[in-house]
Amino acid sequence: MANMDLDNERYNGFERFMFFLTPILFTIILLGVLLTLFNHDMRNKMLEVGNKVPLLADVLPDPQESGTEENVQMTAQKSMAKIDELRKQLNEKDATIAADKEKSAQADELIKSLQGEIEQLKQSNADEALNDEQYQLKINELAAMYAQMSPSKAAPILQSMSTDEAVLVIAAMSSESRSKVLEKMAPQKAADITMKLKDVVSAKDRQIAALQAQVNRQSSTTPAATQSQTLLDTAQLKQTFSGMEPKSAAELLLKMSEVSPSKVLRILNAVDDSSRSGILTEMSSLNKGITAQLVTKLMSGK
């Protein structure tokens, strides 16, 4: 009985000790766990201690290095810097592409402008070629008109022109008509025209030469020489056109007005009033517009 009481006292004392020790151990373990979870340094120390225990070393992870967070932050900063650099390069590429597009648009506008200028030049060349053809057609018509006249009447008219102007008309005639007209001309004038005809030149060059000869004659002749030549030509022109039929003279003068209106005015001034009246009547029936212009210039003395 006494032994049983002694055992009960022992158990009661141990129970009391465990009663006080258990909360303390629980608190210590809880604090250790919390420190291990939330304190990086403490957790690393605990892992280092645990890794030294043979059985726990196989279960616990290795402690993290103290500079890991700094490395992570540094890596993040480097990544952000790289991203910023790539974003900057992308913006530069976009700006380059936009500049290239603008240059391409400007080049397209320049190409369109040049194409428009080329079309204008083509049109201008076509118009010039058409004008040349029309001018040559008028010369051919005028040459045909002179060819239909008698050589004795056509020769004085052509002889009153400059050599280049006469060559321009005579070159458009047939060989037979040309020889007949030259036969009725003054020998020196016929020789000068023949020398011009033998040269192989284009019709355009002959037209330019005729215009240049007209300009040179107007700018270089002296008043006395001009008056003498005019008196001689006027007498010849008066005799020639006064002897022509008014209708034929009218047709010829209308053709001449397309090439040299000043020559027509000279002829109309040269003939007498009766011949001029008949010629103007026929001209008016053929082309009232040109006739009115010529009469206006006659009245103004031009």
Protein backbone atom coordinates (compact mmCIF):
# COMPACT_ATOMS: atom_id res chain seq x y z
CA MET A 1 0.00 0.00 0.00
CA ALA A 2 2.85 2.30 0.84
CA ASN A 3 4.51 1.50 -2.53
CA MET A 4 1.40 2.46 -4.41
CA ASP A 5 1.25 5.81 -2.70
CA LEU A 6 4.89 6.44 -3.53
CA ASP A 7 4.29 5.67 -7.24
CA ASN A 8 1.32 7.99 -7.31
CA GLU A 9 3.38 10.80 -5.89
CA ARG A 10 6.08 10.20 -8.53
CA TYR A 11 3.55 10.31 -11.37
CA ASN A 12 1.91 13.36 -9.96
CA GLY A 13 5.24 15.19 -9.83
CA PHE A 14 6.16 14.21 -13.41
CA GLU A 15 2.75 15.24 -14.65
CA ARG A 16 3.16 18.60 -13.01
CA PHE A 17 6.57 19.03 -14.64
CA MET A 18 5.22 18.09 -18.08
CA PHE A 19 2.27 20.37 -17.53
CA PHE A 20 4.57 23.35 -17.20
CA LEU A 21 7.13 22.23 -19.77
CA THR A 22 4.76 21.45 -22.63
CA PRO A 23 3.53 25.04 -23.26
CA ILE A 24 7.07 26.34 -23.00
CA LEU A 25 8.31 23.82 -25.58
CA PHE A 26 5.36 24.57 -27.84
CA THR A 27 6.05 28.28 -27.63
CA ILE A 28 9.76 27.79 -28.37
CA ILE A 29 9.00 25.52 -31.33
CA LEU A 30 6.37 27.95 -32.67
CA LEU A 31 8.77 30.88 -32.39
CA GLY A 32 11.44 28.85 -34.13
CA VAL A 33 9.08 27.97 -36.94
CA LEU A 34 7.95 31.59 -37.32
CA LEU A 35 11.50 32.88 -37.25
CA THR A 36 12.47 30.25 -39.77
CA LEU A 37 9.65 31.27 -42.11
CA PHE A 38 9.89 35.05 -41.83
CA ASN A 39 13.52 35.69 -40.91
CA HIS A 40 15.73 34.99 -43.86
CA ASP A 41 18.93 34.90 -41.86
CA MET A 42 17.46 32.75 -39.12
CA ARG A 43 16.03 30.35 -41.67
CA ASN A 44 19.40 30.04 -43.34
CA LYS A 45 21.07 29.37 -39.98
CA MET A 46 18.46 26.77 -39.11
CA LEU A 47 18.93 25.11 -42.47
CA GLU A 48 22.69 25.14 -41.98
CA VAL A 49 22.29 23.49 -38.57
CA GLY A 50 19.78 21.01 -39.95
CA ASN A 51 22.03 20.14 -42.90
CA LYS A 52 24.73 19.14 -40.39
CA VAL A 53 22.45 16.47 -38.93
CA PRO A 54 22.97 13.23 -40.93
CA LEU A 55 19.33 12.27 -41.39
CA LEU A 56 17.94 15.78 -41.82
CA ALA A 57 20.58 16.75 -44.39
CA ASP A 58 18.89 14.49 -46.95
CA VAL A 59 15.49 16.14 -46.41
CA LEU A 60 16.17 19.84 -45.84
CA PRO A 61 17.03 22.17 -48.75
CA ASP A 62 20.28 24.05 -48.98
CA PRO A 63 20.26 27.50 -47.38
CA GLN A 64 19.83 30.39 -49.79
CA GLU A 65 22.69 32.79 -50.29
CA SER A 66 22.30 36.20 -48.74
CA GLY A 67 22.81 37.99 -52.06
CA THR A 68 20.03 36.17 -53.92
CA GLU A 69 17.47 38.96 -53.52
CA GLU A 70 20.04 41.53 -54.59
CA ASN A 71 20.85 39.37 -57.60
CA VAL A 72 17.17 39.13 -58.42
CA GLN A 73 16.78 42.90 -58.16
CA MET A 74 19.89 43.45 -60.27
CA THR A 75 18.63 40.99 -62.86
CA ALA A 76 15.26 42.74 -62.91
CA GLN A 77 16.96 46.12 -63.38
CA LYS A 78 19.06 44.74 -66.21
CA SER A 79 15.96 43.27 -67.81
CA MET A 80 14.15 46.60 -67.56
CA ALA A 81 17.16 48.39 -69.04
CA LYS A 82 17.24 45.88 -71.89
CA ILE A 83 13.52 46.33 -72.46
CA ASP A 84 13.97 50.13 -72.55
CA GLU A 85 16.83 49.76 -75.02
CA LEU A 86 14.79 47.46 -77.25
CA ARG A 87 11.83 49.85 -77.04
CA LYS A 88 14.12 52.73 -78.04
CA GLN A 89 15.47 50.73 -81.00
CA LEU A 90 11.90 49.89 -82.02
CA ASN A 91 10.95 53.58 -81.94
CA GLU A 92 14.01 54.43 -84.05
CA LYS A 93 13.04 51.73 -86.56
CA ASP A 94 9.50 53.10 -86.70
CA ALA A 95 10.85 56.61 -87.29
CA THR A 96 13.14 55.31 -90.04
CA ILE A 97 10.25 53.47 -91.70
CA ALA A 98 8.09 56.61 -91.53
CA ALA A 99 10.90 58.69 -93.07
CA ASP A 100 11.36 56.11 -95.83
CA LYS A 101 7.62 56.18 -96.53
CA GLU A 102 7.70 59.97 -96.75
CA LYS A 103 10.68 59.85 -99.12
CA SER A 104 8.90 57.23 -101.20
CA ALA A 105 5.79 59.43 -101.37
CA GLN A 106 7.92 62.41 -102.43
CA ALA A 107 9.63 60.26 -105.07
CA ASP A 108 6.21 59.17 -106.37
CA GLU A 109 5.10 62.80 -106.57
CA LEU A 110 8.32 63.70 -108.41
CA ILE A 111 7.79 60.82 -110.84
CA LYS A 112 4.20 61.95 -111.49
CA SER A 113 5.40 65.52 -112.02
CA LEU A 114 8.11 64.40 -114.45
CA GLN A 115 5.64 62.21 -116.29
CA GLY A 116 3.32 65.20 -116.61
CA GLU A 117 6.17 67.31 -118.00
CA ILE A 118 7.06 64.53 -120.44
CA GLU A 119 3.44 64.39 -121.62
CA GLN A 120 3.44 68.17 -122.04
CA LEU A 121 6.67 68.00 -124.04
CA LYS A 122 5.22 65.24 -126.19
CA GLN A 123 2.08 67.29 -126.77
CA SER A 124 4.18 70.37 -127.50
CA ASN A 125 6.31 68.42 -129.97
CA ALA A 126 3.17 67.00 -131.57
CA ASP A 127 1.67 70.50 -131.86
CA GLU A 128 4.91 71.83 -133.30
CA ALA A 129 5.06 68.97 -135.79
CA LEU A 130 1.44 69.68 -136.72
CA ASN A 131 2.22 73.37 -137.19
CA ASP A 132 5.20 72.48 -139.37
CA GLU A 133 3.02 70.18 -141.44
CA GLN A 134 0.35 72.87 -141.78
CA TYR A 135 2.98 75.44 -142.77
CA GLN A 136 4.46 73.08 -145.36
CA LEU A 137 0.96 72.33 -146.64
CA LYS A 138 0.36 76.04 -147.17
CA ILE A 139 3.69 76.35 -148.99
CA ASN A 140 2.69 73.43 -151.22
CA GLU A 141 -0.68 75.03 -151.94
CA LEU A 142 1.02 78.33 -152.72
CA ALA A 143 3.50 76.57 -155.02
CA ALA A 144 0.63 74.81 -156.79
CA MET A 145 -1.08 78.18 -157.24
CA TYR A 146 2.04 79.68 -158.83
CA ALA A 147 2.43 76.59 -161.01
CA GLN A 148 -1.08 77.13 -162.39
CA MET A 149 -0.19 80.68 -163.36
CA SER A 150 1.68 81.46 -166.52
CA PRO A 151 5.46 81.51 -165.92
CA SER A 152 5.70 85.11 -167.16
CA LYS A 153 3.32 86.24 -164.40
CA ALA A 154 4.61 83.98 -161.62
CA ALA A 155 8.28 84.82 -162.21
CA PRO A 156 8.08 88.56 -161.33
CA ILE A 157 6.18 87.80 -158.13
CA LEU A 158 8.69 85.20 -156.98
CA GLN A 159 11.56 87.41 -158.10
CA SER A 160 10.34 90.18 -155.79
CA MET A 161 10.80 87.86 -152.81
CA SER A 162 14.11 87.18 -151.13
CA THR A 163 16.14 84.29 -152.52
CA ASP A 164 15.38 82.05 -149.55
CA GLU A 165 11.66 82.82 -149.71
CA ALA A 166 11.57 82.10 -153.43
CA VAL A 167 13.50 78.87 -152.92
CA LEU A 168 10.96 77.79 -150.30
CA VAL A 169 8.12 78.10 -152.84
CA ILE A 170 9.93 76.96 -155.99
CA ALA A 171 11.29 73.85 -154.24
CA ALA A 172 7.69 72.70 -153.70
CA MET A 173 6.94 72.90 -157.44
CA SER A 174 7.38 70.11 -159.93
CA SER A 175 10.54 70.09 -162.03
CA GLU A 176 8.66 71.18 -165.15
CA SER A 177 6.94 74.14 -163.47
CA ARG A 178 10.16 75.09 -161.73
CA SER A 179 12.13 75.24 -164.97
CA LYS A 180 9.48 77.36 -166.69
CA VAL A 181 9.38 79.87 -163.85
CA LEU A 182 13.17 80.12 -163.60
CA GLU A 183 13.32 80.67 -167.36
CA LYS A 184 11.26 83.85 -167.01
CA MET A 185 13.33 85.25 -164.12
CA ALA A 186 16.31 87.56 -164.29
CA PRO A 187 19.48 85.50 -164.92
CA GLN A 188 21.20 86.47 -161.68
CA LYS A 189 18.11 85.81 -159.54
CA ALA A 190 17.53 82.47 -161.28
CA ALA A 191 21.19 81.56 -160.72
CA ASP A 192 20.98 82.39 -157.01
CA ILE A 193 17.82 80.32 -156.60
CA THR A 194 19.35 77.43 -158.53
CA MET A 195 22.42 77.44 -156.26
CA LYS A 196 20.14 77.26 -153.23
CA LEU A 197 18.05 74.48 -154.77
CA LYS A 198 21.04 72.26 -155.46
CA ASP A 199 21.86 72.03 -151.74
CA VAL A 200 20.16 69.08 -150.06
CA VAL A 201 18.54 70.58 -146.98
CA SER A 202 15.37 69.83 -145.07
CA ALA A 203 12.19 71.80 -145.55
CA LYS A 204 12.47 73.03 -141.97
CA ASP A 205 15.91 74.51 -142.65
CA ARG A 206 14.57 76.26 -145.73
CA GLN A 207 11.71 77.72 -143.72
CA ILE A 208 14.15 79.02 -141.11
CA ALA A 209 16.40 80.44 -143.82
CA ALA A 210 13.45 82.22 -145.42
CA LEU A 211 12.39 83.78 -142.13
CA GLN A 212 15.96 84.77 -141.33
CA ALA A 213 16.35 86.37 -144.76
CA GLN A 214 13.20 88.39 -144.18
CA VAL A 215 14.47 89.60 -140.80
CA ASN A 216 17.91 90.44 -142.19
CA ARG A 217 16.39 92.33 -145.11
CA GLN A 218 14.20 94.41 -142.82
CA SER A 219 17.03 95.23 -140.41
CA SER A 220 19.99 95.74 -142.74
CA THR A 221 18.68 97.46 -145.89
CA THR A 222 19.20 101.23 -146.17
CA PRO A 223 16.21 103.49 -146.83
CA ALA A 224 17.51 104.49 -150.27
CA ALA A 225 18.13 100.95 -151.41
CA THR A 226 14.79 99.90 -150.01
CA GLN A 227 12.99 102.68 -151.86
CA SER A 228 14.72 101.83 -155.14
CA GLN A 229 13.96 98.16 -154.80
CA THR A 230 10.37 98.91 -153.80
CA LEU A 231 9.80 101.11 -156.85
CA LEU A 232 11.13 98.39 -159.14
CA ASP A 233 9.12 95.63 -157.48
CA THR A 234 5.99 97.76 -157.31
CA ALA A 235 6.08 98.35 -161.04
CA GLN A 236 6.49 94.66 -161.73
CA LEU A 237 3.81 93.65 -159.25
CA LYS A 238 1.37 96.21 -160.61
CA GLN A 239 1.86 94.97 -164.15
CA THR A 240 1.57 91.31 -163.13
CA PHE A 241 -1.55 91.45 -160.93
CA SER A 242 -3.34 94.02 -163.05
CA GLY A 243 -3.14 91.62 -165.97
CA MET A 244 -4.50 88.65 -163.97
CA GLU A 245 -8.12 87.66 -163.60
CA PRO A 246 -9.48 89.10 -160.31
CA LYS A 247 -10.59 85.65 -159.12
CA SER A 248 -7.16 84.08 -159.77
CA ALA A 249 -5.41 87.03 -158.15
CA ALA A 250 -7.75 86.81 -155.15
CA GLU A 251 -7.08 83.09 -154.66
CA LEU A 252 -3.33 83.67 -154.93
CA LEU A 253 -3.32 86.57 -152.48
CA LEU A 254 -5.36 84.62 -149.93
CA LYS A 255 -2.83 81.81 -150.10
CA MET A 256 0.02 84.31 -149.78
CA SER A 257 -1.63 85.92 -146.74
CA GLU A 258 -1.23 82.66 -144.83
CA VAL A 259 2.55 82.84 -145.33
CA SER A 260 3.37 86.56 -145.67
CA PRO A 261 0.55 89.08 -145.18
CA SER A 262 2.99 91.97 -145.70
CA LYS A 263 3.59 90.83 -149.30
CA VAL A 264 -0.16 90.84 -149.94
CA LEU A 265 -0.41 94.39 -148.64
CA ARG A 266 2.45 95.46 -150.93
CA ILE A 267 0.69 93.97 -153.93
CA LEU A 268 -2.66 95.53 -153.07
CA ASN A 269 -0.95 98.89 -152.65
CA ALA A 270 0.83 98.46 -156.00
CA VAL A 271 -2.20 97.80 -158.22
CA ASP A 272 -4.54 100.55 -159.37
CA ASP A 273 -7.91 101.25 -157.78
CA SER A 274 -9.93 99.36 -160.39
CA SER A 275 -7.84 96.20 -160.14
CA ARG A 276 -7.75 96.42 -156.33
CA SER A 277 -11.54 96.72 -156.18
CA GLY A 278 -12.07 93.65 -158.34
CA ILE A 279 -9.48 91.61 -156.44
CA LEU A 280 -10.90 92.56 -153.02
CA THR A 281 -14.42 91.70 -154.19
CA GLU A 282 -13.31 88.20 -155.17
CA MET A 283 -11.27 87.84 -151.98
CA SER A 284 -14.27 88.83 -149.87
CA SER A 285 -16.41 86.19 -151.56
CA LEU A 286 -13.75 83.56 -150.78
CA ASN A 287 -12.81 84.59 -147.22
CA LYS A 288 -14.44 87.63 -145.64
CA GLY A 289 -12.43 87.42 -142.40
CA ILE A 290 -8.96 87.60 -143.94
CA THR A 291 -10.11 90.20 -146.47
CA ALA A 292 -11.45 92.42 -143.68
CA GLN A 293 -8.15 92.17 -141.80
CA LEU A 294 -6.16 93.09 -144.91
CA VAL A 295 -8.43 96.05 -145.73
CA THR A 296 -8.09 97.29 -142.14
CA LYS A 297 -4.30 97.19 -142.43
CA LEU A 298 -4.47 98.93 -145.80
CA MET A 299 -6.52 101.74 -144.29
CA SER A 300 -4.13 102.09 -141.33
CA GLY A 301 -1.12 102.18 -143.64
CA LYS A 302 0.51 99.03 -142.15
